[in-house]
Amino acid sequence: MIMDNVKLTVKDILEQDFKTSLRGYNPEEVDAFLDIVIKDYEEFQNEIDRLRKENTQLKRELDQKRAIPSQPTQGTTNYDILKRLSNLEKHVFGNKLSD
């Protein structure tokens, strides 16, 4: 699974603490950037969750459709089918059938 390769969680990013030094990074800039990264991670996770649910639902629907045998269109009888077949034969073969 793709998510198995992800090393950081939103919580990991949120709780990450950087050491500061005299010439280190500006903590406010780092925090602002990490806030953006956290929001992106949340969006990605929400989209992954939504797609997984949709995928599960679609698989369920597909399984249900496969389980239901195909039935002729409502109102179609054997007589209707034979009549259509006869008309098709007349159209394709024309008067050759009566010879």
PDB file of N, CA and C in Angstrom:
ATOM      1  N   MET A   1       0.832  -1.178   0.000  1.00  0.00           N
ATOM      2  CA  MET A   1       0.000   0.000   0.000  1.00  0.00           C
ATOM      3  C   MET A   1       0.881   1.248   0.000  1.00  0.00           C
ATOM      4  N   ILE A   2       0.424   2.278  -0.621  1.00  0.00           N
ATOM      5  CA  ILE A   2       1.198   3.515  -0.714  1.00  0.00           C
ATOM      6  C   ILE A   2       1.445   4.109   0.660  1.00  0.00           C
ATOM      7  N   MET A   3       0.428   4.080   1.515  1.00  0.00           N
ATOM      8  CA  MET A   3       0.543   4.713   2.832  1.00  0.00           C
ATOM      9  C   MET A   3       1.599   4.034   3.710  1.00  0.00           C
ATOM     10  N   ASP A   4       2.003   2.811   3.401  1.00  0.00           N
ATOM     11  CA  ASP A   4       3.030   2.134   4.187  1.00  0.00           C
ATOM     12  C   ASP A   4       4.387   2.814   4.035  1.00  0.00           C
ATOM     13  N   ASN A   5       4.594   3.525   2.941  1.00  0.00           N
ATOM     14  CA  ASN A   5       5.876   4.188   2.689  1.00  0.00           C
ATOM     15  C   ASN A   5       5.956   5.575   3.300  1.00  0.00           C
ATOM     16  N   VAL A   6       4.873   6.096   3.806  1.00  0.00           N
ATOM     17  CA  VAL A   6       4.851   7.441   4.381  1.00  0.00           C
ATOM     18  C   VAL A   6       5.493   7.399   5.764  1.00  0.00           C
ATOM     19  N   LYS A   7       6.463   8.254   5.959  1.00  0.00           N
ATOM     20  CA  LYS A   7       7.211   8.246   7.219  1.00  0.00           C
ATOM     21  C   LYS A   7       6.639   9.220   8.249  1.00  0.00           C
ATOM     22  N   LEU A   8       5.981  10.270   7.789  1.00  0.00           N
ATOM     23  CA  LEU A   8       5.486  11.298   8.697  1.00  0.00           C
ATOM     24  C   LEU A   8       3.961  11.295   8.739  1.00  0.00           C
ATOM     25  N   THR A   9       3.459  11.578   9.920  1.00  0.00           N
ATOM     26  CA  THR A   9       2.031  11.797  10.072  1.00  0.00           C
ATOM     27  C   THR A   9       1.819  13.275  10.365  1.00  0.00           C
ATOM     28  N   VAL A  10       0.576  13.691  10.329  1.00  0.00           N
ATOM     29  CA  VAL A  10       0.270  15.081  10.667  1.00  0.00           C
ATOM     30  C   VAL A  10       0.761  15.386  12.076  1.00  0.00           C
ATOM     31  N   LYS A  11       0.567  14.445  12.967  1.00  0.00           N
ATOM     32  CA  LYS A  11       0.983  14.644  14.353  1.00  0.00           C
ATOM     33  C   LYS A  11       2.507  14.784  14.458  1.00  0.00           C
ATOM     34  N   ASP A  12       3.252  13.955  13.698  1.00  0.00           N
ATOM     35  CA  ASP A  12       4.724  14.055  13.709  1.00  0.00           C
ATOM     36  C   ASP A  12       5.185  15.441  13.278  1.00  0.00           C
ATOM     37  N   ILE A  13       4.566  15.941  12.227  1.00  0.00           N
ATOM     38  CA  ILE A  13       4.953  17.267  11.723  1.00  0.00           C
ATOM     39  C   ILE A  13       4.593  18.348  12.732  1.00  0.00           C
ATOM     40  N   LEU A  14       3.401  18.225  13.272  1.00  0.00           N
ATOM     41  CA  LEU A  14       2.922  19.224  14.228  1.00  0.00           C
ATOM     42  C   LEU A  14       3.810  19.286  15.470  1.00  0.00           C
ATOM     43  N   GLU A  15       4.270  18.145  15.929  1.00  0.00           N
ATOM     44  CA  GLU A  15       5.035  18.092  17.170  1.00  0.00           C
ATOM     45  C   GLU A  15       6.546  18.191  16.972  1.00  0.00           C
ATOM     46  N   GLN A  16       6.992  18.305  15.721  1.00  0.00           N
ATOM     47  CA  GLN A  16       8.426  18.424  15.458  1.00  0.00           C
ATOM     48  C   GLN A  16       8.958  19.715  16.083  1.00  0.00           C
ATOM     49  N   ASP A  17      10.072  19.595  16.777  1.00  0.00           N
ATOM     50  CA  ASP A  17      10.685  20.763  17.429  1.00  0.00           C
ATOM     51  C   ASP A  17      12.100  20.905  16.876  1.00  0.00           C
ATOM     52  N   PHE A  18      12.439  22.095  16.452  1.00  0.00           N
ATOM     53  CA  PHE A  18      13.766  22.363  15.906  1.00  0.00           C
ATOM     54  C   PHE A  18      14.597  23.111  16.934  1.00  0.00           C
ATOM     55  N   LYS A  19      15.861  22.735  17.010  1.00  0.00           N
ATOM     56  CA  LYS A  19      16.780  23.452  17.884  1.00  0.00           C
ATOM     57  C   LYS A  19      17.151  24.767  17.200  1.00  0.00           C
ATOM     58  N   THR A  20      17.291  25.775  18.004  1.00  0.00           N
ATOM     59  CA  THR A  20      17.670  27.074  17.444  1.00  0.00           C
ATOM     60  C   THR A  20      19.094  27.407  17.872  1.00  0.00           C
ATOM     61  N   SER A  21      19.750  28.153  17.026  1.00  0.00           N
ATOM     62  CA  SER A  21      21.095  28.620  17.349  1.00  0.00           C
ATOM     63  C   SER A  21      21.174  30.091  16.979  1.00  0.00           C
ATOM     64  N   LEU A  22      22.300  30.662  17.224  1.00  0.00           N
ATOM     65  CA  LEU A  22      22.466  32.082  16.971  1.00  0.00           C
ATOM     66  C   LEU A  22      22.159  32.435  15.512  1.00  0.00           C
ATOM     67  N   ARG A  23      22.579  31.617  14.604  1.00  0.00           N
ATOM     68  CA  ARG A  23      22.348  31.886  13.179  1.00  0.00           C
ATOM     69  C   ARG A  23      21.391  30.850  12.582  1.00  0.00           C
ATOM     70  N   GLY A  24      20.500  30.326  13.354  1.00  0.00           N
ATOM     71  CA  GLY A  24      19.560  29.291  12.882  1.00  0.00           C
ATOM     72  C   GLY A  24      18.407  29.866  12.088  1.00  0.00           C
ATOM     73  N   TYR A  25      17.497  28.991  11.767  1.00  0.00           N
ATOM     74  CA  TYR A  25      16.315  29.381  11.008  1.00  0.00           C
ATOM     75  C   TYR A  25      15.382  30.230  11.869  1.00  0.00           C
ATOM     76  N   ASN A  26      14.610  31.044  11.218  1.00  0.00           N
ATOM     77  CA  ASN A  26      13.611  31.849  11.899  1.00  0.00           C
ATOM     78  C   ASN A  26      12.461  30.915  12.306  1.00  0.00           C
ATOM     79  N   PRO A  27      12.223  30.741  13.610  1.00  0.00           N
ATOM     80  CA  PRO A  27      11.197  29.797  14.069  1.00  0.00           C
ATOM     81  C   PRO A  27       9.799  30.107  13.524  1.00  0.00           C
ATOM     82  N   GLU A  28       9.490  31.377  13.342  1.00  0.00           N
ATOM     83  CA  GLU A  28       8.170  31.729  12.817  1.00  0.00           C
ATOM     84  C   GLU A  28       8.006  31.266  11.366  1.00  0.00           C
ATOM     85  N   GLU A  29       9.069  31.387  10.575  1.00  0.00           N
ATOM     86  CA  GLU A  29       9.009  30.931   9.185  1.00  0.00           C
ATOM     87  C   GLU A  29       8.873  29.416   9.112  1.00  0.00           C
ATOM     88  N   VAL A  30       9.626  28.720   9.959  1.00  0.00           N
ATOM     89  CA  VAL A  30       9.541  27.256   9.995  1.00  0.00           C
ATOM     90  C   VAL A  30       8.136  26.829  10.405  1.00  0.00           C
ATOM     91  N   ASP A  31       7.585  27.454  11.431  1.00  0.00           N
ATOM     92  CA  ASP A  31       6.232  27.118  11.886  1.00  0.00           C
ATOM     93  C   ASP A  31       5.193  27.401  10.806  1.00  0.00           C
ATOM     94  N   ALA A  32       5.341  28.511  10.110  1.00  0.00           N
ATOM     95  CA  ALA A  32       4.389  28.853   9.044  1.00  0.00           C
ATOM     96  C   ALA A  32       4.458  27.821   7.918  1.00  0.00           C
ATOM     97  N   PHE A  33       5.679  27.420   7.558  1.00  0.00           N
ATOM     98  CA  PHE A  33       5.836  26.417   6.515  1.00  0.00           C
ATOM     99  C   PHE A  33       5.257  25.070   6.958  1.00  0.00           C
ATOM    100  N   LEU A  34       5.548  24.676   8.187  1.00  0.00           N
ATOM    101  CA  LEU A  34       5.030  23.402   8.686  1.00  0.00           C
ATOM    102  C   LEU A  34       3.505  23.417   8.758  1.00  0.00           C
ATOM    103  N   ASP A  35       2.909  24.565   9.043  1.00  0.00           N
ATOM    104  CA  ASP A  35       1.443  24.669   9.040  1.00  0.00           C
ATOM    105  C   ASP A  35       0.879  24.351   7.651  1.00  0.00           C
ATOM    106  N   ILE A  36       1.566  24.849   6.625  1.00  0.00           N
ATOM    107  CA  ILE A  36       1.141  24.561   5.251  1.00  0.00           C
ATOM    108  C   ILE A  36       1.287  23.066   4.951  1.00  0.00           C
ATOM    109  N   VAL A  37       2.417  22.492   5.359  1.00  0.00           N
ATOM    110  CA  VAL A  37       2.656  21.064   5.123  1.00  0.00           C
ATOM    111  C   VAL A  37       1.605  20.226   5.844  1.00  0.00           C
ATOM    112  N   ILE A  38       1.268  20.581   7.069  1.00  0.00           N
ATOM    113  CA  ILE A  38       0.256  19.850   7.842  1.00  0.00           C
ATOM    114  C   ILE A  38      -1.095  19.902   7.139  1.00  0.00           C
ATOM    115  N   LYS A  39      -1.467  21.082   6.652  1.00  0.00           N
ATOM    116  CA  LYS A  39      -2.748  21.202   5.944  1.00  0.00           C
ATOM    117  C   LYS A  39      -2.764  20.337   4.694  1.00  0.00           C
ATOM    118  N   ASP A  40      -1.639  20.312   3.960  1.00  0.00           N
ATOM    119  CA  ASP A  40      -1.556  19.468   2.768  1.00  0.00           C
ATOM    120  C   ASP A  40      -1.695  17.996   3.136  1.00  0.00           C
ATOM    121  N   TYR A  41      -1.001  17.576   4.171  1.00  0.00           N
ATOM    122  CA  TYR A  41      -1.096  16.188   4.614  1.00  0.00           C
ATOM    123  C   TYR A  41      -2.535  15.834   4.980  1.00  0.00           C
ATOM    124  N   GLU A  42      -3.203  16.718   5.680  1.00  0.00           N
ATOM    125  CA  GLU A  42      -4.599  16.473   6.062  1.00  0.00           C
ATOM    126  C   GLU A  42      -5.475  16.333   4.823  1.00  0.00           C
ATOM    127  N   GLU A  43      -5.261  17.209   3.838  1.00  0.00           N
ATOM    128  CA  GLU A  43      -6.034  17.151   2.596  1.00  0.00           C
ATOM    129  C   GLU A  43      -5.768  15.839   1.855  1.00  0.00           C
ATOM    130  N   PHE A  44      -4.493  15.474   1.779  1.00  0.00           N
ATOM    131  CA  PHE A  44      -4.149  14.214   1.111  1.00  0.00           C
ATOM    132  C   PHE A  44      -4.791  13.032   1.829  1.00  0.00           C
ATOM    133  N   GLN A  45      -4.717  13.012   3.137  1.00  0.00           N
ATOM    134  CA  GLN A  45      -5.301  11.915   3.905  1.00  0.00           C
ATOM    135  C   GLN A  45      -6.812  11.867   3.728  1.00  0.00           C
ATOM    136  N   ASN A  46      -7.468  13.034   3.751  1.00  0.00           N
ATOM    137  CA  ASN A  46      -8.916  13.074   3.536  1.00  0.00           C
ATOM    138  C   ASN A  46      -9.285  12.553   2.152  1.00  0.00           C
ATOM    139  N   GLU A  47      -8.517  12.939   1.152  1.00  0.00           N
ATOM    140  CA  GLU A  47      -8.788  12.476  -0.220  1.00  0.00           C
ATOM    141  C   GLU A  47      -8.553  10.969  -0.339  1.00  0.00           C
ATOM    142  N   ILE A  48      -7.505  10.475   0.275  1.00  0.00           N
ATOM    143  CA  ILE A  48      -7.237   9.030   0.261  1.00  0.00           C
ATOM    144  C   ILE A  48      -8.377   8.279   0.932  1.00  0.00           C
ATOM    145  N   ASP A  49      -8.833   8.768   2.073  1.00  0.00           N
ATOM    146  CA  ASP A  49      -9.950   8.121   2.779  1.00  0.00           C
ATOM    147  C   ASP A  49     -11.217   8.129   1.929  1.00  0.00           C
ATOM    148  N   ARG A  50     -11.490   9.274   1.279  1.00  0.00           N
ATOM    149  CA  ARG A  50     -12.681   9.383   0.439  1.00  0.00           C
ATOM    150  C   ARG A  50     -12.601   8.409  -0.742  1.00  0.00           C
ATOM    151  N   LEU A  51     -11.438   8.343  -1.372  1.00  0.00           N
ATOM    152  CA  LEU A  51     -11.266   7.455  -2.520  1.00  0.00           C
ATOM    153  C   LEU A  51     -11.350   5.981  -2.117  1.00  0.00           C
ATOM    154  N   ARG A  52     -10.832   5.651  -0.951  1.00  0.00           N
ATOM    155  CA  ARG A  52     -10.944   4.264  -0.467  1.00  0.00           C
ATOM    156  C   ARG A  52     -12.398   3.885  -0.244  1.00  0.00           C
ATOM    157  N   LYS A  53     -13.170   4.791   0.367  1.00  0.00           N
ATOM    158  CA  LYS A  53     -14.596   4.522   0.588  1.00  0.00           C
ATOM    159  C   LYS A  53     -15.325   4.367  -0.740  1.00  0.00           C
ATOM    160  N   GLU A  54     -15.025   5.266  -1.677  1.00  0.00           N
ATOM    161  CA  GLU A  54     -15.662   5.199  -2.999  1.00  0.00           C
ATOM    162  C   GLU A  54     -15.282   3.897  -3.697  1.00  0.00           C
ATOM    163  N   ASN A  55     -14.026   3.514  -3.602  1.00  0.00           N
ATOM    164  CA  ASN A  55     -13.555   2.274  -4.211  1.00  0.00           C
ATOM    165  C   ASN A  55     -14.275   1.061  -3.621  1.00  0.00           C
ATOM    166  N   THR A  56     -14.407   1.044  -2.308  1.00  0.00           N
ATOM    167  CA  THR A  56     -15.108  -0.052  -1.631  1.00  0.00           C
ATOM    168  C   THR A  56     -16.562  -0.117  -2.085  1.00  0.00           C
ATOM    169  N   GLN A  57     -17.219   1.045  -2.165  1.00  0.00           N
ATOM    170  CA  GLN A  57     -18.615   1.108  -2.587  1.00  0.00           C
ATOM    171  C   GLN A  57     -18.767   0.620  -4.037  1.00  0.00           C
ATOM    172  N   LEU A  58     -17.879   1.053  -4.909  1.00  0.00           N
ATOM    173  CA  LEU A  58     -17.950   0.642  -6.308  1.00  0.00           C
ATOM    174  C   LEU A  58     -17.706  -0.860  -6.464  1.00  0.00           C
ATOM    175  N   LYS A  59     -16.778  -1.406  -5.698  1.00  0.00           N
ATOM    176  CA  LYS A  59     -16.551  -2.853  -5.733  1.00  0.00           C
ATOM    177  C   LYS A  59     -17.783  -3.608  -5.266  1.00  0.00           C
ATOM    178  N   ARG A  60     -18.425  -3.091  -4.216  1.00  0.00           N
ATOM    179  CA  ARG A  60     -19.637  -3.718  -3.691  1.00  0.00           C
ATOM    180  C   ARG A  60     -20.745  -3.705  -4.752  1.00  0.00           C
ATOM    181  N   GLU A  61     -20.919  -2.549  -5.415  1.00  0.00           N
ATOM    182  CA  GLU A  61     -21.934  -2.433  -6.461  1.00  0.00           C
ATOM    183  C   GLU A  61     -21.638  -3.377  -7.620  1.00  0.00           C
ATOM    184  N   LEU A  62     -20.367  -3.483  -8.005  1.00  0.00           N
ATOM    185  CA  LEU A  62     -19.978  -4.374  -9.086  1.00  0.00           C
ATOM    186  C   LEU A  62     -20.264  -5.821  -8.718  1.00  0.00           C
ATOM    187  N   ASP A  63     -19.936  -6.216  -7.502  1.00  0.00           N
ATOM    188  CA  ASP A  63     -20.214  -7.581  -7.049  1.00  0.00           C
ATOM    189  C   ASP A  63     -21.710  -7.875  -7.078  1.00  0.00           C
ATOM    190  N   GLN A  64     -22.511  -6.894  -6.682  1.00  0.00           N
ATOM    191  CA  GLN A  64     -23.965  -7.078  -6.692  1.00  0.00           C
ATOM    192  C   GLN A  64     -24.474  -7.232  -8.121  1.00  0.00           C
ATOM    193  N   LYS A  65     -23.952  -6.439  -9.045  1.00  0.00           N
ATOM    194  CA  LYS A  65     -24.393  -6.530 -10.438  1.00  0.00           C
ATOM    195  C   LYS A  65     -23.972  -7.852 -11.059  1.00  0.00           C
ATOM    196  N   ARG A  66     -22.832  -8.351 -10.685  1.00  0.00           N
ATOM    197  CA  ARG A  66     -22.370  -9.644 -11.208  1.00  0.00           C
ATOM    198  C   ARG A  66     -23.217 -10.783 -10.661  1.00  0.00           C
ATOM    199  N   ALA A  67     -23.743 -10.618  -9.466  1.00  0.00           N
ATOM    200  CA  ALA A  67     -24.536 -11.673  -8.833  1.00  0.00           C
ATOM    201  C   ALA A  67     -25.945 -11.764  -9.404  1.00  0.00           C
ATOM    202  N   ILE A  68     -26.443 -10.685  -9.997  1.00  0.00           N
ATOM    203  CA  ILE A  68     -27.796 -10.678 -10.545  1.00  0.00           C
ATOM    204  C   ILE A  68     -27.731 -11.136 -11.992  1.00  0.00           C
ATOM    205  N   PRO A  69     -28.418 -12.250 -12.332  1.00  0.00           N
ATOM    206  CA  PRO A  69     -28.396 -12.717 -13.718  1.00  0.00           C
ATOM    207  C   PRO A  69     -29.131 -11.732 -14.624  1.00  0.00           C
ATOM    208  N   SER A  70     -28.687 -11.652 -15.857  1.00  0.00           N
ATOM    209  CA  SER A  70     -29.333 -10.758 -16.815  1.00  0.00           C
ATOM    210  C   SER A  70     -30.731 -11.263 -17.107  1.00  0.00           C
ATOM    211  N   GLN A  71     -31.673 -10.345 -17.137  1.00  0.00           N
ATOM    212  CA  GLN A  71     -33.055 -10.686 -17.430  1.00  0.00           C
ATOM    213  C   GLN A  71     -33.482  -9.892 -18.644  1.00  0.00           C
ATOM    214  N   PRO A  72     -34.381 -10.486 -19.457  1.00  0.00           N
ATOM    215  CA  PRO A  72     -34.842  -9.748 -20.620  1.00  0.00           C
ATOM    216  C   PRO A  72     -35.567  -8.476 -20.194  1.00  0.00           C
ATOM    217  N   THR A  73     -35.614  -7.540 -21.109  1.00  0.00           N
ATOM    218  CA  THR A  73     -36.302  -6.287 -20.844  1.00  0.00           C
ATOM    219  C   THR A  73     -37.745  -6.576 -20.478  1.00  0.00           C
ATOM    220  N   GLN A  74     -38.229  -5.858 -19.506  1.00  0.00           N
ATOM    221  CA  GLN A  74     -39.586  -6.061 -19.037  1.00  0.00           C
ATOM    222  C   GLN A  74     -40.562  -5.885 -20.192  1.00  0.00           C
ATOM    223  N   GLY A  75     -41.524  -6.807 -20.304  1.00  0.00           N
ATOM    224  CA  GLY A  75     -42.522  -6.733 -21.369  1.00  0.00           C
ATOM    225  C   GLY A  75     -42.112  -7.518 -22.604  1.00  0.00           C
ATOM    226  N   THR A  76     -40.893  -8.050 -22.646  1.00  0.00           N
ATOM    227  CA  THR A  76     -40.445  -8.839 -23.786  1.00  0.00           C
ATOM    228  C   THR A  76     -40.854 -10.291 -23.560  1.00  0.00           C
ATOM    229  N   THR A  77     -41.549 -10.839 -24.542  1.00  0.00           N
ATOM    230  CA  THR A  77     -41.961 -12.242 -24.462  1.00  0.00           C
ATOM    231  C   THR A  77     -41.275 -13.008 -25.580  1.00  0.00           C
ATOM    232  N   ASN A  78     -41.405 -14.330 -25.534  1.00  0.00           N
ATOM    233  CA  ASN A  78     -40.829 -15.155 -26.597  1.00  0.00           C
ATOM    234  C   ASN A  78     -41.458 -14.794 -27.943  1.00  0.00           C
ATOM    235  N   TYR A  79     -42.754 -14.512 -27.935  1.00  0.00           N
ATOM    236  CA  TYR A  79     -43.441 -14.126 -29.168  1.00  0.00           C
ATOM    237  C   TYR A  79     -42.813 -12.868 -29.760  1.00  0.00           C
ATOM    238  N   ASP A  80     -42.548 -11.870 -28.892  1.00  0.00           N
ATOM    239  CA  ASP A  80     -41.926 -10.625 -29.366  1.00  0.00           C
ATOM    240  C   ASP A  80     -40.551 -10.892 -29.966  1.00  0.00           C
ATOM    241  N   ILE A  81     -39.808 -11.742 -29.336  1.00  0.00           N
ATOM    242  CA  ILE A  81     -38.465 -12.066 -29.817  1.00  0.00           C
ATOM    243  C   ILE A  81     -38.547 -12.783 -31.157  1.00  0.00           C
ATOM    244  N   LEU A  82     -39.456 -13.765 -31.282  1.00  0.00           N
ATOM    245  CA  LEU A  82     -39.615 -14.491 -32.546  1.00  0.00           C
ATOM    246  C   LEU A  82     -40.080 -13.569 -33.668  1.00  0.00           C
ATOM    247  N   LYS A  83     -40.946 -12.630 -33.349  1.00  0.00           N
ATOM    248  CA  LYS A  83     -41.431 -11.682 -34.346  1.00  0.00           C
ATOM    249  C   LYS A  83     -40.283 -10.804 -34.840  1.00  0.00           C
ATOM    250  N   ARG A  84     -39.469 -10.321 -33.926  1.00  0.00           N
ATOM    251  CA  ARG A  84     -38.320  -9.502 -34.312  1.00  0.00           C
ATOM    252  C   ARG A  84     -37.340 -10.293 -35.168  1.00  0.00           C
ATOM    253  N   LEU A  85     -37.116 -11.550 -34.781  1.00  0.00           N
ATOM    254  CA  LEU A  85     -36.221 -12.412 -35.535  1.00  0.00           C
ATOM    255  C   LEU A  85     -36.748 -12.634 -36.944  1.00  0.00           C
ATOM    256  N   SER A  86     -38.043 -12.873 -37.049  1.00  0.00           N
ATOM    257  CA  SER A  86     -38.659 -13.071 -38.357  1.00  0.00           C
ATOM    258  C   SER A  86     -38.515 -11.821 -39.217  1.00  0.00           C
ATOM    259  N   ASN A  87     -38.766 -10.661 -38.642  1.00  0.00           N
ATOM    260  CA  ASN A  87     -38.621  -9.408 -39.386  1.00  0.00           C
ATOM    261  C   ASN A  87     -37.173  -9.188 -39.822  1.00  0.00           C
ATOM    262  N   LEU A  88     -36.230  -9.535 -38.952  1.00  0.00           N
ATOM    263  CA  LEU A  88     -34.820  -9.398 -39.288  1.00  0.00           C
ATOM    264  C   LEU A  88     -34.453 -10.323 -40.443  1.00  0.00           C
ATOM    265  N   GLU A  89     -34.921 -11.563 -40.403  1.00  0.00           N
ATOM    266  CA  GLU A  89     -34.648 -12.514 -41.488  1.00  0.00           C
ATOM    267  C   GLU A  89     -35.217 -12.000 -42.807  1.00  0.00           C
ATOM    268  N   LYS A  90     -36.433 -11.464 -42.765  1.00  0.00           N
ATOM    269  CA  LYS A  90     -37.039 -10.921 -43.988  1.00  0.00           C
ATOM    270  C   LYS A  90     -36.213  -9.762 -44.523  1.00  0.00           C
ATOM    271  N   HIS A  91     -35.733  -8.939 -43.639  1.00  0.00           N
ATOM    272  CA  HIS A  91     -34.938  -7.780 -44.057  1.00  0.00           C
ATOM    273  C   HIS A  91     -33.602  -8.223 -44.657  1.00  0.00           C
ATOM    274  N   VAL A  92     -32.970  -9.195 -44.033  1.00  0.00           N
ATOM    275  CA  VAL A  92     -31.651  -9.628 -44.478  1.00  0.00           C
ATOM    276  C   VAL A  92     -31.747 -10.472 -45.745  1.00  0.00           C
ATOM    277  N   PHE A  93     -32.658 -11.437 -45.749  1.00  0.00           N
ATOM    278  CA  PHE A  93     -32.736 -12.378 -46.857  1.00  0.00           C
ATOM    279  C   PHE A  93     -33.797 -12.000 -47.894  1.00  0.00           C
ATOM    280  N   GLY A  94     -34.694 -11.125 -47.566  1.00  0.00           N
ATOM    281  CA  GLY A  94     -35.709 -10.673 -48.500  1.00  0.00           C
ATOM    282  C   GLY A  94     -36.611 -11.802 -48.952  1.00  0.00           C
ATOM    283  N   ASN A  95     -36.875 -11.837 -50.234  1.00  0.00           N
ATOM    284  CA  ASN A  95     -37.790 -12.843 -50.796  1.00  0.00           C
ATOM    285  C   ASN A  95     -37.138 -14.198 -50.979  1.00  0.00           C
ATOM    286  N   LYS A  96     -35.880 -14.333 -50.749  1.00  0.00           N
ATOM    287  CA  LYS A  96     -35.188 -15.614 -50.898  1.00  0.00           C
ATOM    288  C   LYS A  96     -35.781 -16.673 -49.980  1.00  0.00           C
ATOM    289  N   LEU A  97     -36.343 -16.251 -48.851  1.00  0.00           N
ATOM    290  CA  LEU A  97     -36.919 -17.213 -47.908  1.00  0.00           C
ATOM    291  C   LEU A  97     -38.171 -17.864 -48.477  1.00  0.00           C
ATOM    292  N   SER A  98     -38.929 -17.173 -49.279  1.00  0.00           N
ATOM    293  CA  SER A  98     -40.174 -17.728 -49.803  1.00  0.00           C
ATOM    294  C   SER A  98     -39.951 -18.599 -51.023  1.00  0.00           C
ATOM    295  N   ASP A  99     -38.740 -18.554 -51.626  1.00  0.00           N
ATOM    296  CA  ASP A  99     -38.440 -19.375 -52.817  1.00  0.00           C
ATOM    297  C   ASP A  99     -38.171 -20.798 -52.469  1.00  0.00           C
TER     298      ASP A  99
END
